[in-house]
N, C-alpha and C. Protein backbone atom coordinates (compact mmCIF):
# COMPACT_ATOMS: atom_id res chain seq x y z
N MET A 1 2.49 -18.93 72.47
CA MET A 1 2.52 -20.39 72.66
C MET A 1 2.69 -21.12 71.35
N PHE A 2 1.95 -20.62 70.33
CA PHE A 2 2.01 -21.30 69.04
C PHE A 2 3.42 -21.20 68.42
N THR A 3 4.08 -20.07 68.67
CA THR A 3 5.43 -19.89 68.19
C THR A 3 6.35 -20.96 68.78
N LEU A 4 6.18 -21.24 70.05
CA LEU A 4 6.99 -22.27 70.71
C LEU A 4 6.74 -23.64 70.11
N VAL A 5 5.48 -23.96 69.82
CA VAL A 5 5.15 -25.23 69.20
C VAL A 5 5.81 -25.34 67.82
N LYS A 6 5.80 -24.26 67.05
CA LYS A 6 6.43 -24.26 65.72
C LYS A 6 7.94 -24.51 65.86
N ILE A 7 8.52 -23.83 66.80
CA ILE A 7 10.00 -23.98 66.99
C ILE A 7 10.35 -25.40 67.38
N ILE A 8 9.60 -25.97 68.34
CA ILE A 8 9.90 -27.32 68.80
C ILE A 8 9.67 -28.34 67.70
N ALA A 9 8.55 -28.26 66.98
CA ALA A 9 8.27 -29.21 65.91
C ALA A 9 9.31 -29.11 64.80
N SER A 10 9.68 -27.90 64.43
CA SER A 10 10.69 -27.72 63.38
C SER A 10 12.04 -28.24 63.84
N ALA A 11 12.41 -27.99 65.10
CA ALA A 11 13.68 -28.45 65.63
C ALA A 11 13.75 -29.98 65.65
N ILE A 12 12.64 -30.61 65.98
CA ILE A 12 12.61 -32.08 65.98
C ILE A 12 12.88 -32.64 64.61
N ILE A 13 12.27 -32.03 63.59
CA ILE A 13 12.50 -32.49 62.21
C ILE A 13 13.97 -32.32 61.82
N ILE A 14 14.54 -31.15 62.14
CA ILE A 14 15.94 -30.92 61.82
C ILE A 14 16.83 -31.90 62.56
N GLY A 15 16.52 -32.12 63.84
CA GLY A 15 17.28 -33.08 64.65
C GLY A 15 17.26 -34.49 64.09
N VAL A 16 16.09 -34.93 63.64
CA VAL A 16 15.98 -36.26 63.05
C VAL A 16 16.81 -36.36 61.78
N ILE A 17 16.73 -35.36 60.91
CA ILE A 17 17.53 -35.39 59.69
C ILE A 17 19.02 -35.38 60.01
N THR A 18 19.43 -34.61 61.00
CA THR A 18 20.83 -34.56 61.39
C THR A 18 21.30 -35.94 61.87
N GLU A 19 20.49 -36.62 62.66
CA GLU A 19 20.87 -37.95 63.15
C GLU A 19 20.95 -38.96 62.01
N ILE A 20 20.03 -38.89 61.09
CA ILE A 20 20.07 -39.78 59.90
C ILE A 20 21.34 -39.48 59.11
N SER A 21 21.69 -38.20 58.98
CA SER A 21 22.89 -37.79 58.23
C SER A 21 24.14 -38.30 58.88
N ARG A 22 24.18 -38.35 60.21
CA ARG A 22 25.38 -38.85 60.90
C ARG A 22 25.60 -40.31 60.57
N ARG A 23 24.53 -41.08 60.51
CA ARG A 23 24.66 -42.53 60.28
C ARG A 23 24.73 -42.87 58.79
N TYR A 24 23.95 -42.17 58.03
CA TYR A 24 23.85 -42.42 56.59
C TYR A 24 23.91 -41.11 55.82
N PRO A 25 25.12 -40.58 55.59
CA PRO A 25 25.28 -39.27 54.95
C PRO A 25 24.54 -39.11 53.63
N HIS A 26 24.55 -40.17 52.82
CA HIS A 26 23.89 -40.12 51.50
C HIS A 26 22.41 -39.87 51.67
N TYR A 27 21.77 -40.68 52.53
CA TYR A 27 20.34 -40.55 52.73
C TYR A 27 19.98 -39.26 53.47
N GLY A 28 20.83 -38.89 54.41
CA GLY A 28 20.61 -37.62 55.11
C GLY A 28 20.66 -36.44 54.17
N GLY A 29 21.62 -36.47 53.22
CA GLY A 29 21.70 -35.41 52.23
C GLY A 29 20.50 -35.34 51.35
N MET A 30 19.98 -36.50 50.95
CA MET A 30 18.77 -36.52 50.12
C MET A 30 17.57 -35.96 50.91
N LEU A 31 17.48 -36.37 52.18
CA LEU A 31 16.39 -35.83 53.02
C LEU A 31 16.51 -34.32 53.19
N ALA A 32 17.74 -33.86 53.42
CA ALA A 32 17.95 -32.44 53.62
C ALA A 32 17.63 -31.66 52.34
N ALA A 33 17.81 -32.31 51.20
CA ALA A 33 17.51 -31.64 49.92
C ALA A 33 16.01 -31.47 49.69
N LEU A 34 15.24 -32.28 50.40
CA LEU A 34 13.79 -32.13 50.27
C LEU A 34 13.42 -30.71 50.74
N PRO A 35 12.41 -30.15 50.17
CA PRO A 35 12.05 -28.78 50.56
C PRO A 35 11.30 -28.75 51.90
N ILE A 36 11.91 -29.36 52.91
CA ILE A 36 11.26 -29.48 54.21
C ILE A 36 10.95 -28.10 54.81
N ILE A 37 11.92 -27.22 54.80
CA ILE A 37 11.69 -25.89 55.37
C ILE A 37 10.56 -25.18 54.62
N SER A 38 10.53 -25.27 53.32
CA SER A 38 9.51 -24.62 52.54
C SER A 38 8.13 -25.21 52.86
N VAL A 39 8.05 -26.51 52.91
CA VAL A 39 6.77 -27.20 53.20
C VAL A 39 6.28 -26.84 54.59
N ILE A 40 7.21 -26.92 55.57
CA ILE A 40 6.83 -26.57 56.94
C ILE A 40 6.37 -25.12 57.04
N SER A 41 7.10 -24.23 56.35
CA SER A 41 6.72 -22.81 56.38
C SER A 41 5.32 -22.58 55.78
N ILE A 42 5.09 -23.25 54.65
CA ILE A 42 3.76 -23.10 54.01
C ILE A 42 2.67 -23.63 54.95
N LEU A 43 2.94 -24.79 55.59
CA LEU A 43 1.95 -25.32 56.53
C LEU A 43 1.71 -24.39 57.72
N TRP A 44 2.79 -23.81 58.29
CA TRP A 44 2.61 -22.90 59.41
C TRP A 44 1.84 -21.67 58.97
N LEU A 45 2.16 -21.14 57.79
CA LEU A 45 1.44 -19.96 57.30
C LEU A 45 -0.04 -20.29 57.10
N TYR A 46 -0.32 -21.44 56.55
CA TYR A 46 -1.71 -21.86 56.32
C TYR A 46 -2.45 -21.99 57.65
N ILE A 47 -1.81 -22.66 58.59
CA ILE A 47 -2.44 -22.89 59.91
C ILE A 47 -2.72 -21.55 60.59
N GLN A 48 -1.82 -20.55 60.36
CA GLN A 48 -1.99 -19.25 60.95
C GLN A 48 -3.04 -18.40 60.19
N GLY A 49 -3.61 -18.94 59.13
CA GLY A 49 -4.70 -18.26 58.44
C GLY A 49 -4.29 -17.33 57.32
N GLU A 50 -3.07 -17.50 56.80
CA GLU A 50 -2.66 -16.64 55.68
C GLU A 50 -3.47 -16.99 54.43
N GLN A 51 -3.64 -16.00 53.60
CA GLN A 51 -4.39 -16.16 52.36
C GLN A 51 -3.59 -17.00 51.36
N MET A 52 -4.32 -17.66 50.45
CA MET A 52 -3.68 -18.46 49.42
C MET A 52 -2.71 -17.64 48.58
N GLU A 53 -3.04 -16.36 48.35
CA GLU A 53 -2.17 -15.47 47.56
C GLU A 53 -0.80 -15.31 48.25
N THR A 54 -0.79 -15.22 49.57
CA THR A 54 0.46 -15.10 50.31
C THR A 54 1.26 -16.42 50.18
N LEU A 55 0.56 -17.55 50.31
CA LEU A 55 1.22 -18.85 50.17
C LEU A 55 1.80 -19.01 48.76
N SER A 56 1.07 -18.57 47.78
CA SER A 56 1.52 -18.65 46.38
C SER A 56 2.74 -17.80 46.16
N LYS A 57 2.76 -16.56 46.68
CA LYS A 57 3.90 -15.68 46.53
C LYS A 57 5.12 -16.27 47.24
N PHE A 58 4.91 -16.85 48.41
CA PHE A 58 5.99 -17.48 49.15
C PHE A 58 6.59 -18.61 48.33
N ALA A 59 5.76 -19.48 47.77
CA ALA A 59 6.22 -20.62 46.98
C ALA A 59 7.01 -20.15 45.79
N LEU A 60 6.57 -19.12 45.09
CA LEU A 60 7.30 -18.59 43.95
C LEU A 60 8.64 -18.00 44.37
N SER A 61 8.70 -17.35 45.51
CA SER A 61 9.94 -16.80 46.01
C SER A 61 10.93 -17.89 46.31
N VAL A 62 10.45 -19.01 46.81
CA VAL A 62 11.35 -20.15 47.08
C VAL A 62 11.94 -20.66 45.76
N VAL A 63 11.12 -20.70 44.73
CA VAL A 63 11.61 -21.15 43.41
C VAL A 63 12.71 -20.23 42.92
N TRP A 64 12.55 -18.92 43.11
CA TRP A 64 13.56 -17.98 42.68
C TRP A 64 14.86 -18.17 43.46
N GLY A 65 14.81 -18.74 44.65
CA GLY A 65 16.00 -18.93 45.45
C GLY A 65 16.73 -20.22 45.13
N ILE A 66 16.15 -21.14 44.39
CA ILE A 66 16.75 -22.43 44.13
C ILE A 66 18.09 -22.32 43.39
N PRO A 67 18.20 -21.55 42.30
CA PRO A 67 19.50 -21.50 41.60
C PRO A 67 20.63 -20.99 42.51
N ALA A 68 20.36 -19.99 43.32
CA ALA A 68 21.40 -19.46 44.22
C ALA A 68 21.78 -20.51 45.27
N THR A 69 20.82 -21.25 45.71
CA THR A 69 21.10 -22.31 46.70
C THR A 69 21.99 -23.41 46.09
N VAL A 70 21.73 -23.73 44.84
CA VAL A 70 22.56 -24.74 44.16
C VAL A 70 24.00 -24.21 44.03
N VAL A 71 24.11 -22.93 43.67
CA VAL A 71 25.47 -22.35 43.56
C VAL A 71 26.17 -22.40 44.91
N MET A 72 25.47 -22.04 45.97
CA MET A 72 26.03 -22.07 47.31
C MET A 72 26.54 -23.47 47.67
N LEU A 73 25.71 -24.47 47.44
CA LEU A 73 26.10 -25.84 47.82
C LEU A 73 27.25 -26.36 46.99
N VAL A 74 27.32 -25.98 45.73
CA VAL A 74 28.46 -26.40 44.86
C VAL A 74 29.73 -25.75 45.38
N ILE A 75 29.66 -24.45 45.73
CA ILE A 75 30.86 -23.78 46.26
C ILE A 75 31.31 -24.43 47.55
N ILE A 76 30.37 -24.71 48.45
CA ILE A 76 30.75 -25.36 49.72
C ILE A 76 31.39 -26.74 49.45
N TRP A 77 30.76 -27.51 48.57
CA TRP A 77 31.29 -28.83 48.22
C TRP A 77 32.71 -28.73 47.67
N LEU A 78 32.92 -27.81 46.73
CA LEU A 78 34.25 -27.63 46.13
C LEU A 78 35.27 -27.20 47.19
N ALA A 79 34.88 -26.25 48.04
CA ALA A 79 35.80 -25.77 49.06
C ALA A 79 36.20 -26.89 50.02
N LEU A 80 35.22 -27.70 50.42
CA LEU A 80 35.49 -28.82 51.32
C LEU A 80 36.36 -29.88 50.64
N GLN A 81 36.13 -30.08 49.34
CA GLN A 81 36.93 -31.03 48.59
C GLN A 81 38.39 -30.60 48.54
N HIS A 82 38.62 -29.29 48.62
CA HIS A 82 39.97 -28.74 48.62
C HIS A 82 40.49 -28.51 50.04
N SER A 83 39.88 -29.16 51.00
CA SER A 83 40.28 -29.14 52.41
C SER A 83 40.30 -27.78 53.04
N LEU A 84 39.45 -26.89 52.59
CA LEU A 84 39.34 -25.59 53.25
C LEU A 84 38.55 -25.79 54.55
N HIS A 85 38.81 -24.94 55.51
CA HIS A 85 38.12 -25.00 56.82
C HIS A 85 36.62 -24.89 56.62
N LEU A 86 35.86 -25.62 57.42
CA LEU A 86 34.41 -25.66 57.31
C LEU A 86 33.81 -24.24 57.29
N PHE A 87 34.19 -23.41 58.26
CA PHE A 87 33.57 -22.08 58.35
C PHE A 87 33.94 -21.18 57.20
N PHE A 88 35.18 -21.36 56.68
CA PHE A 88 35.57 -20.58 55.49
C PHE A 88 34.77 -21.06 54.29
N SER A 89 34.59 -22.38 54.19
CA SER A 89 33.78 -22.94 53.08
C SER A 89 32.35 -22.44 53.14
N LEU A 90 31.78 -22.42 54.34
CA LEU A 90 30.39 -21.91 54.51
C LEU A 90 30.35 -20.43 54.14
N GLY A 91 31.35 -19.68 54.56
CA GLY A 91 31.38 -18.25 54.23
C GLY A 91 31.48 -18.03 52.73
N LEU A 92 32.33 -18.81 52.07
CA LEU A 92 32.44 -18.68 50.61
C LEU A 92 31.08 -19.04 49.94
N GLY A 93 30.47 -20.10 50.43
CA GLY A 93 29.18 -20.51 49.87
C GLY A 93 28.11 -19.44 50.05
N LEU A 94 28.06 -18.85 51.25
CA LEU A 94 27.06 -17.81 51.50
C LEU A 94 27.36 -16.56 50.65
N ALA A 95 28.64 -16.24 50.52
CA ALA A 95 29.01 -15.07 49.66
C ALA A 95 28.59 -15.34 48.21
N GLY A 96 28.84 -16.55 47.75
CA GLY A 96 28.43 -16.94 46.39
C GLY A 96 26.92 -16.86 46.23
N TRP A 97 26.20 -17.30 47.26
CA TRP A 97 24.76 -17.25 47.25
C TRP A 97 24.25 -15.80 47.14
N LEU A 98 24.81 -14.91 47.93
CA LEU A 98 24.43 -13.50 47.87
C LEU A 98 24.74 -12.87 46.52
N LEU A 99 25.96 -13.14 46.03
CA LEU A 99 26.35 -12.60 44.73
C LEU A 99 25.45 -13.09 43.61
N PHE A 100 25.13 -14.38 43.68
CA PHE A 100 24.26 -14.96 42.65
C PHE A 100 22.86 -14.34 42.71
N LEU A 101 22.33 -14.18 43.93
CA LEU A 101 21.00 -13.56 44.07
C LEU A 101 21.02 -12.14 43.54
N PHE A 102 22.08 -11.38 43.85
CA PHE A 102 22.21 -10.02 43.37
C PHE A 102 22.24 -9.98 41.83
N ALA A 103 23.08 -10.86 41.23
CA ALA A 103 23.20 -10.93 39.78
C ALA A 103 21.87 -11.37 39.13
N GLN A 104 21.22 -12.34 39.76
CA GLN A 104 19.93 -12.83 39.27
C GLN A 104 18.90 -11.69 39.28
N ASN A 105 18.83 -10.95 40.37
CA ASN A 105 17.88 -9.84 40.46
C ASN A 105 18.18 -8.75 39.44
N LEU A 106 19.48 -8.42 39.21
CA LEU A 106 19.84 -7.44 38.20
C LEU A 106 19.43 -7.92 36.80
N LEU A 107 19.68 -9.20 36.52
CA LEU A 107 19.31 -9.76 35.23
C LEU A 107 17.79 -9.69 35.02
N ILE A 108 17.05 -10.07 36.02
CA ILE A 108 15.61 -10.07 35.91
C ILE A 108 15.08 -8.66 35.68
N LYS A 109 15.64 -7.68 36.45
CA LYS A 109 15.20 -6.29 36.25
C LYS A 109 15.56 -5.78 34.89
N HIS A 110 16.74 -6.19 34.38
CA HIS A 110 17.18 -5.75 33.06
C HIS A 110 16.33 -6.35 31.95
N VAL A 111 16.02 -7.63 32.09
CA VAL A 111 15.25 -8.32 31.03
C VAL A 111 13.78 -7.91 31.09
N ILE A 112 13.23 -7.85 32.30
CA ILE A 112 11.80 -7.53 32.44
C ILE A 112 11.55 -6.03 32.42
N GLY A 113 12.42 -5.28 33.11
CA GLY A 113 12.19 -3.86 33.26
C GLY A 113 12.95 -3.07 32.27
């Protein structure tokens, strides 16, 4: 039952942001850039009784994902600016995201390990 509540509450937030984005793309983009998914996830984990150590590890993992997400969004933006099909643009962005994460992890292992 709790899973259903989480899904509905999260879907409502996404729906509201989508509607704001339809009417006001600039403001919708800024709202979407907020770490809403991260905050909601941390709240759900906390409500479910996860330890602070788990929440802390989750938050740090989100930080590690930020550079790849920026790369993905820039690739999507550039692809759309060049009139590429939406799904192709999304695919390029996701591929860039994966490649960047892979390169980032290799770099971290090389520097740290």
